[in-house]
Amino acid sequence: MANFDERSGYIPCATEWGQWWQTIEEVYIEIDVPVGTTGKEIKCEIKPKHIKVQIKDQFVLQVYIYIFLSLKCLA
């Protein structure tokens, strides 16, 4: 199979918190962070069954995943 990503590109999906897009192998998530936010004010939890992002004690994204994710990229 030819590389789908190279042939088709990607189409970002805008959301209230930022945008996301996917390829055959990966999902990309981009979250808008308010100016002046420090790294200590951002909490990101990536697990095989959920993704949570919190900025300044407010949940921006909570996604529960119904398929198994490989976390090899986090090693």
PDB file of N, CA and C in Angstrom:
ATOM      1  N   MET A   1       0.855  -1.184   0.000  1.00  0.00           N
ATOM      2  CA  MET A   1       0.000   0.000   0.000  1.00  0.00           C
ATOM      3  C   MET A   1       0.895   1.239   0.000  1.00  0.00           C
ATOM      4  N   ALA A   2       0.592   2.167  -0.874  1.00  0.00           N
ATOM      5  CA  ALA A   2       1.336   3.430  -0.908  1.00  0.00           C
ATOM      6  C   ALA A   2       1.053   4.210   0.367  1.00  0.00           C
ATOM      7  N   ASN A   3       1.966   5.073   0.704  1.00  0.00           N
ATOM      8  CA  ASN A   3       1.795   5.856   1.923  1.00  0.00           C
ATOM      9  C   ASN A   3       0.595   6.791   1.787  1.00  0.00           C
ATOM     10  N   PHE A   4      -0.462   6.473   2.500  1.00  0.00           N
ATOM     11  CA  PHE A   4      -1.715   7.237   2.450  1.00  0.00           C
ATOM     12  C   PHE A   4      -1.488   8.703   2.812  1.00  0.00           C
ATOM     13  N   ASP A   5      -0.675   8.942   3.834  1.00  0.00           N
ATOM     14  CA  ASP A   5      -0.442  10.309   4.303  1.00  0.00           C
ATOM     15  C   ASP A   5       0.212  11.172   3.227  1.00  0.00           C
ATOM     16  N   GLU A   6       1.166  10.606   2.511  1.00  0.00           N
ATOM     17  CA  GLU A   6       1.842  11.364   1.465  1.00  0.00           C
ATOM     18  C   GLU A   6       0.901  11.666   0.308  1.00  0.00           C
ATOM     19  N   ARG A   7      -0.022  10.763   0.019  1.00  0.00           N
ATOM     20  CA  ARG A   7      -0.932  10.955  -1.104  1.00  0.00           C
ATOM     21  C   ARG A   7      -2.077  11.888  -0.767  1.00  0.00           C
ATOM     22  N   SER A   8      -2.552  11.856   0.462  1.00  0.00           N
ATOM     23  CA  SER A   8      -3.772  12.602   0.778  1.00  0.00           C
ATOM     24  C   SER A   8      -3.559  13.825   1.658  1.00  0.00           C
ATOM     25  N   GLY A   9      -2.433  13.921   2.334  1.00  0.00           N
ATOM     26  CA  GLY A   9      -2.267  15.005   3.296  1.00  0.00           C
ATOM     27  C   GLY A   9      -3.167  14.748   4.492  1.00  0.00           C
ATOM     28  N   TYR A  10      -3.542  15.791   5.191  1.00  0.00           N
ATOM     29  CA  TYR A  10      -4.456  15.625   6.313  1.00  0.00           C
ATOM     30  C   TYR A  10      -5.394  16.816   6.357  1.00  0.00           C
ATOM     31  N   ILE A  11      -6.508  16.623   7.020  1.00  0.00           N
ATOM     32  CA  ILE A  11      -7.492  17.691   7.174  1.00  0.00           C
ATOM     33  C   ILE A  11      -7.697  17.905   8.664  1.00  0.00           C
ATOM     34  N   PRO A  12      -7.203  19.022   9.221  1.00  0.00           N
ATOM     35  CA  PRO A  12      -7.390  19.264  10.651  1.00  0.00           C
ATOM     36  C   PRO A  12      -8.857  19.541  10.975  1.00  0.00           C
ATOM     37  N   CYS A  13      -9.291  19.042  12.117  1.00  0.00           N
ATOM     38  CA  CYS A  13     -10.654  19.273  12.601  1.00  0.00           C
ATOM     39  C   CYS A  13     -10.577  20.276  13.746  1.00  0.00           C
ATOM     40  N   ALA A  14     -11.118  21.459  13.539  1.00  0.00           N
ATOM     41  CA  ALA A  14     -11.094  22.500  14.572  1.00  0.00           C
ATOM     42  C   ALA A  14     -12.082  22.166  15.682  1.00  0.00           C
ATOM     43  N   THR A  15     -11.689  22.465  16.916  1.00  0.00           N
ATOM     44  CA  THR A  15     -12.543  22.246  18.082  1.00  0.00           C
ATOM     45  C   THR A  15     -12.484  23.493  18.961  1.00  0.00           C
ATOM     46  N   GLU A  16     -13.252  23.490  20.036  1.00  0.00           N
ATOM     47  CA  GLU A  16     -13.211  24.633  20.959  1.00  0.00           C
ATOM     48  C   GLU A  16     -11.899  24.693  21.729  1.00  0.00           C
ATOM     49  N   TRP A  17     -11.174  23.583  21.828  1.00  0.00           N
ATOM     50  CA  TRP A  17      -9.926  23.549  22.579  1.00  0.00           C
ATOM     51  C   TRP A  17      -8.682  23.567  21.699  1.00  0.00           C
ATOM     52  N   GLY A  18      -8.829  23.475  20.390  1.00  0.00           N
ATOM     53  CA  GLY A  18      -7.673  23.450  19.489  1.00  0.00           C
ATOM     54  C   GLY A  18      -8.034  22.750  18.195  1.00  0.00           C
ATOM     55  N   GLN A  19      -7.231  21.748  17.807  1.00  0.00           N
ATOM     56  CA  GLN A  19      -7.532  20.969  16.617  1.00  0.00           C
ATOM     57  C   GLN A  19      -6.908  19.587  16.723  1.00  0.00           C
ATOM     58  N   TRP A  20      -7.396  18.673  15.898  1.00  0.00           N
ATOM     59  CA  TRP A  20      -6.821  17.341  15.839  1.00  0.00           C
ATOM     60  C   TRP A  20      -6.912  16.842  14.405  1.00  0.00           C
ATOM     61  N   TRP A  21      -6.065  15.854  14.081  1.00  0.00           N
ATOM     62  CA  TRP A  21      -6.110  15.195  12.784  1.00  0.00           C
ATOM     63  C   TRP A  21      -5.475  13.830  12.944  1.00  0.00           C
ATOM     64  N   GLN A  22      -5.650  12.990  11.948  1.00  0.00           N
ATOM     65  CA  GLN A  22      -5.087  11.654  12.049  1.00  0.00           C
ATOM     66  C   GLN A  22      -4.557  11.183  10.711  1.00  0.00           C
ATOM     67  N   THR A  23      -3.636  10.236  10.817  1.00  0.00           N
ATOM     68  CA  THR A  23      -3.134   9.513   9.660  1.00  0.00           C
ATOM     69  C   THR A  23      -3.555   8.068   9.871  1.00  0.00           C
ATOM     70  N   ILE A  24      -3.121   7.188   9.018  1.00  0.00           N
ATOM     71  CA  ILE A  24      -3.463   5.778   9.207  1.00  0.00           C
ATOM     72  C   ILE A  24      -2.867   5.252  10.507  1.00  0.00           C
ATOM     73  N   GLU A  25      -1.679   5.727  10.873  1.00  0.00           N
ATOM     74  CA  GLU A  25      -0.975   5.192  12.034  1.00  0.00           C
ATOM     75  C   GLU A  25      -1.048   6.044  13.288  1.00  0.00           C
ATOM     76  N   GLU A  26      -1.329   7.341  13.163  1.00  0.00           N
ATOM     77  CA  GLU A  26      -1.222   8.221  14.322  1.00  0.00           C
ATOM     78  C   GLU A  26      -2.377   9.209  14.408  1.00  0.00           C
ATOM     79  N   VAL A  27      -2.593   9.689  15.628  1.00  0.00           N
ATOM     80  CA  VAL A  27      -3.553  10.763  15.875  1.00  0.00           C
ATOM     81  C   VAL A  27      -2.770  11.924  16.476  1.00  0.00           C
ATOM     82  N   TYR A  28      -3.008  13.125  15.976  1.00  0.00           N
ATOM     83  CA  TYR A  28      -2.336  14.331  16.450  1.00  0.00           C
ATOM     84  C   TYR A  28      -3.353  15.225  17.144  1.00  0.00           C
ATOM     85  N   ILE A  29      -2.974  15.763  18.286  1.00  0.00           N
ATOM     86  CA  ILE A  29      -3.841  16.659  19.046  1.00  0.00           C
ATOM     87  C   ILE A  29      -3.045  17.926  19.351  1.00  0.00           C
ATOM     88  N   GLU A  30      -3.607  19.067  19.001  1.00  0.00           N
ATOM     89  CA  GLU A  30      -3.000  20.371  19.277  1.00  0.00           C
ATOM     90  C   GLU A  30      -3.964  21.158  20.144  1.00  0.00           C
ATOM     91  N   ILE A  31      -3.520  21.569  21.328  1.00  0.00           N
ATOM     92  CA  ILE A  31      -4.393  22.274  22.264  1.00  0.00           C
ATOM     93  C   ILE A  31      -3.930  23.719  22.402  1.00  0.00           C
ATOM     94  N   ASP A  32      -4.876  24.644  22.254  1.00  0.00           N
ATOM     95  CA  ASP A  32      -4.576  26.066  22.436  1.00  0.00           C
ATOM     96  C   ASP A  32      -4.383  26.345  23.927  1.00  0.00           C
ATOM     97  N   VAL A  33      -3.278  26.994  24.255  1.00  0.00           N
ATOM     98  CA  VAL A  33      -2.952  27.308  25.643  1.00  0.00           C
ATOM     99  C   VAL A  33      -2.938  28.831  25.792  1.00  0.00           C
ATOM    100  N   PRO A  34      -3.601  29.361  26.821  1.00  0.00           N
ATOM    101  CA  PRO A  34      -3.607  30.814  27.011  1.00  0.00           C
ATOM    102  C   PRO A  34      -2.194  31.381  27.178  1.00  0.00           C
ATOM    103  N   VAL A  35      -1.976  32.568  26.642  1.00  0.00           N
ATOM    104  CA  VAL A  35      -0.689  33.253  26.777  1.00  0.00           C
ATOM    105  C   VAL A  35      -0.374  33.424  28.260  1.00  0.00           C
ATOM    106  N   GLY A  36       0.861  33.166  28.628  1.00  0.00           N
ATOM    107  CA  GLY A  36       1.279  33.315  30.013  1.00  0.00           C
ATOM    108  C   GLY A  36       1.174  32.036  30.827  1.00  0.00           C
ATOM    109  N   THR A  37       0.613  30.977  30.248  1.00  0.00           N
ATOM    110  CA  THR A  37       0.495  29.702  30.952  1.00  0.00           C
ATOM    111  C   THR A  37       1.877  29.075  31.083  1.00  0.00           C
ATOM    112  N   THR A  38       2.188  28.586  32.264  1.00  0.00           N
ATOM    113  CA  THR A  38       3.477  27.924  32.482  1.00  0.00           C
ATOM    114  C   THR A  38       3.308  26.417  32.356  1.00  0.00           C
ATOM    115  N   GLY A  39       4.413  25.736  32.154  1.00  0.00           N
ATOM    116  CA  GLY A  39       4.380  24.285  32.052  1.00  0.00           C
ATOM    117  C   GLY A  39       3.841  23.620  33.309  1.00  0.00           C
ATOM    118  N   LYS A  40       4.056  24.233  34.460  1.00  0.00           N
ATOM    119  CA  LYS A  40       3.563  23.678  35.720  1.00  0.00           C
ATOM    120  C   LYS A  40       2.044  23.737  35.819  1.00  0.00           C
ATOM    121  N   GLU A  41       1.413  24.579  35.015  1.00  0.00           N
ATOM    122  CA  GLU A  41      -0.043  24.715  35.040  1.00  0.00           C
ATOM    123  C   GLU A  41      -0.740  23.753  34.077  1.00  0.00           C
ATOM    124  N   ILE A  42       0.052  22.960  33.359  1.00  0.00           N
ATOM    125  CA  ILE A  42      -0.499  22.016  32.390  1.00  0.00           C
ATOM    126  C   ILE A  42      -0.268  20.601  32.893  1.00  0.00           C
ATOM    127  N   LYS A  43      -1.331  19.817  32.943  1.00  0.00           N
ATOM    128  CA  LYS A  43      -1.230  18.409  33.324  1.00  0.00           C
ATOM    129  C   LYS A  43      -1.769  17.585  32.164  1.00  0.00           C
ATOM    130  N   CYS A  44      -0.960  16.644  31.705  1.00  0.00           N
ATOM    131  CA  CYS A  44      -1.348  15.798  30.582  1.00  0.00           C
ATOM    132  C   CYS A  44      -1.147  14.345  30.989  1.00  0.00           C
ATOM    133  N   GLU A  45      -2.188  13.561  30.883  1.00  0.00           N
ATOM    134  CA  GLU A  45      -2.128  12.145  31.241  1.00  0.00           C
ATOM    135  C   GLU A  45      -2.520  11.330  30.014  1.00  0.00           C
ATOM    136  N   ILE A  46      -1.574  10.518  29.535  1.00  0.00           N
ATOM    137  CA  ILE A  46      -1.823   9.669  28.367  1.00  0.00           C
ATOM    138  C   ILE A  46      -1.704   8.224  28.811  1.00  0.00           C
ATOM    139  N   LYS A  47      -2.790   7.506  28.722  1.00  0.00           N
ATOM    140  CA  LYS A  47      -2.846   6.095  29.099  1.00  0.00           C
ATOM    141  C   LYS A  47      -3.407   5.311  27.917  1.00  0.00           C
ATOM    142  N   PRO A  48      -3.277   3.979  27.916  1.00  0.00           N
ATOM    143  CA  PRO A  48      -3.819   3.207  26.795  1.00  0.00           C
ATOM    144  C   PRO A  48      -5.326   3.384  26.588  1.00  0.00           C
ATOM    145  N   LYS A  49      -6.072   3.726  27.643  1.00  0.00           N
ATOM    146  CA  LYS A  49      -7.527   3.834  27.490  1.00  0.00           C
ATOM    147  C   LYS A  49      -8.091   5.237  27.652  1.00  0.00           C
ATOM    148  N   HIS A  50      -7.250   6.227  27.947  1.00  0.00           N
ATOM    149  CA  HIS A  50      -7.765   7.597  28.027  1.00  0.00           C
ATOM    150  C   HIS A  50      -6.656   8.639  27.877  1.00  0.00           C
ATOM    151  N   ILE A  51      -7.079   9.827  27.504  1.00  0.00           N
ATOM    152  CA  ILE A  51      -6.194  10.989  27.415  1.00  0.00           C
ATOM    153  C   ILE A  51      -6.884  12.122  28.156  1.00  0.00           C
ATOM    154  N   LYS A  52      -6.166  12.761  29.074  1.00  0.00           N
ATOM    155  CA  LYS A  52      -6.714  13.892  29.819  1.00  0.00           C
ATOM    156  C   LYS A  52      -5.719  15.043  29.777  1.00  0.00           C
ATOM    157  N   VAL A  53      -6.222  16.242  29.524  1.00  0.00           N
ATOM    158  CA  VAL A  53      -5.391  17.443  29.551  1.00  0.00           C
ATOM    159  C   VAL A  53      -6.099  18.472  30.412  1.00  0.00           C
ATOM    160  N   GLN A  54      -5.350  19.016  31.360  1.00  0.00           N
ATOM    161  CA  GLN A  54      -5.886  19.991  32.303  1.00  0.00           C
ATOM    162  C   GLN A  54      -4.983  21.220  32.281  1.00  0.00           C
ATOM    163  N   ILE A  55      -5.586  22.407  32.168  1.00  0.00           N
ATOM    164  CA  ILE A  55      -4.840  23.663  32.196  1.00  0.00           C
ATOM    165  C   ILE A  55      -5.417  24.527  33.307  1.00  0.00           C
ATOM    166  N   LYS A  56      -4.551  24.929  34.235  1.00  0.00           N
ATOM    167  CA  LYS A  56      -4.971  25.758  35.371  1.00  0.00           C
ATOM    168  C   LYS A  56      -6.196  25.172  36.074  1.00  0.00           C
ATOM    169  N   ASP A  57      -6.137  23.894  36.418  1.00  0.00           N
ATOM    170  CA  ASP A  57      -7.188  23.184  37.157  1.00  0.00           C
ATOM    171  C   ASP A  57      -8.511  23.063  36.405  1.00  0.00           C
ATOM    172  N   GLN A  58      -8.514  23.263  35.098  1.00  0.00           N
ATOM    173  CA  GLN A  58      -9.727  23.085  34.296  1.00  0.00           C
ATOM    174  C   GLN A  58      -9.441  22.040  33.218  1.00  0.00           C
ATOM    175  N   PHE A  59     -10.289  20.994  33.170  1.00  0.00           N
ATOM    176  CA  PHE A  59     -10.110  19.977  32.146  1.00  0.00           C
ATOM    177  C   PHE A  59     -10.453  20.564  30.786  1.00  0.00           C
ATOM    178  N   VAL A  60      -9.504  20.464  29.867  1.00  0.00           N
ATOM    179  CA  VAL A  60      -9.687  20.958  28.508  1.00  0.00           C
ATOM    180  C   VAL A  60     -10.090  19.806  27.599  1.00  0.00           C
ATOM    181  N   LEU A  61      -9.564  18.625  27.890  1.00  0.00           N
ATOM    182  CA  LEU A  61      -9.809  17.458  27.049  1.00  0.00           C
ATOM    183  C   LEU A  61      -9.841  16.213  27.914  1.00  0.00           C
ATOM    184  N   GLN A  62     -10.873  15.403  27.746  1.00  0.00           N
ATOM    185  CA  GLN A  62     -10.970  14.093  28.380  1.00  0.00           C
ATOM    186  C   GLN A  62     -11.522  13.142  27.333  1.00  0.00           C
ATOM    187  N   VAL A  63     -10.688  12.212  26.900  1.00  0.00           N
ATOM    188  CA  VAL A  63     -11.087  11.280  25.857  1.00  0.00           C
ATOM    189  C   VAL A  63     -10.910   9.866  26.386  1.00  0.00           C
ATOM    190  N   TYR A  64     -11.951   9.065  26.273  1.00  0.00           N
ATOM    191  CA  TYR A  64     -11.876   7.661  26.637  1.00  0.00           C
ATOM    192  C   TYR A  64     -11.811   6.855  25.351  1.00  0.00           C
ATOM    193  N   ILE A  65     -10.821   5.988  25.256  1.00  0.00           N
ATOM    194  CA  ILE A  65     -10.526   5.265  24.029  1.00  0.00           C
ATOM    195  C   ILE A  65     -11.009   3.829  24.167  1.00  0.00           C
ATOM    196  N   TYR A  66     -11.660   3.349  23.133  1.00  0.00           N
ATOM    197  CA  TYR A  66     -12.251   2.021  23.176  1.00  0.00           C
ATOM    198  C   TYR A  66     -11.435   0.982  22.432  1.00  0.00           C
ATOM    199  N   ILE A  67     -10.236   1.359  21.991  1.00  0.00           N
ATOM    200  CA  ILE A  67      -9.303   0.404  21.410  1.00  0.00           C
ATOM    201  C   ILE A  67      -7.976   0.559  22.138  1.00  0.00           C
ATOM    202  N   PHE A  68      -7.143  -0.457  22.078  1.00  0.00           N
ATOM    203  CA  PHE A  68      -5.857  -0.415  22.767  1.00  0.00           C
ATOM    204  C   PHE A  68      -4.885   0.474  22.009  1.00  0.00           C
ATOM    205  N   LEU A  69      -4.190   1.341  22.720  1.00  0.00           N
ATOM    206  CA  LEU A  69      -3.156   2.185  22.129  1.00  0.00           C
ATOM    207  C   LEU A  69      -1.785   1.677  22.535  1.00  0.00           C
ATOM    208  N   SER A  70      -0.863   1.720  21.621  1.00  0.00           N
ATOM    209  CA  SER A  70       0.520   1.396  21.928  1.00  0.00           C
ATOM    210  C   SER A  70       1.208   2.659  22.424  1.00  0.00           C
ATOM    211  N   LEU A  71       1.871   2.571  23.552  1.00  0.00           N
ATOM    212  CA  LEU A  71       2.565   3.726  24.112  1.00  0.00           C
ATOM    213  C   LEU A  71       4.067   3.649  23.863  1.00  0.00           C
ATOM    214  N   LYS A  72       4.488   2.928  22.832  1.00  0.00           N
ATOM    215  CA  LYS A  72       5.917   2.772  22.556  1.00  0.00           C
ATOM    216  C   LYS A  72       6.606   4.101  22.288  1.00  0.00           C
ATOM    217  N   CYS A  73       5.864   5.091  21.779  1.00  0.00           N
ATOM    218  CA  CYS A  73       6.480   6.383  21.483  1.00  0.00           C
ATOM    219  C   CYS A  73       6.816   7.148  22.756  1.00  0.00           C
ATOM    220  N   LEU A  74       6.276   6.757  23.887  1.00  0.00           N
ATOM    221  CA  LEU A  74       6.537   7.450  25.142  1.00  0.00           C
ATOM    222  C   LEU A  74       7.759   6.902  25.868  1.00  0.00           C
ATOM    223  N   ALA A  75       8.301   5.809  25.375  1.00  0.00           N
ATOM    224  CA  ALA A  75       9.440   5.170  26.043  1.00  0.00           C
ATOM    225  C   ALA A  75      10.712   5.954  25.856  1.00  0.00           C
TER     226      ALA A  75
END
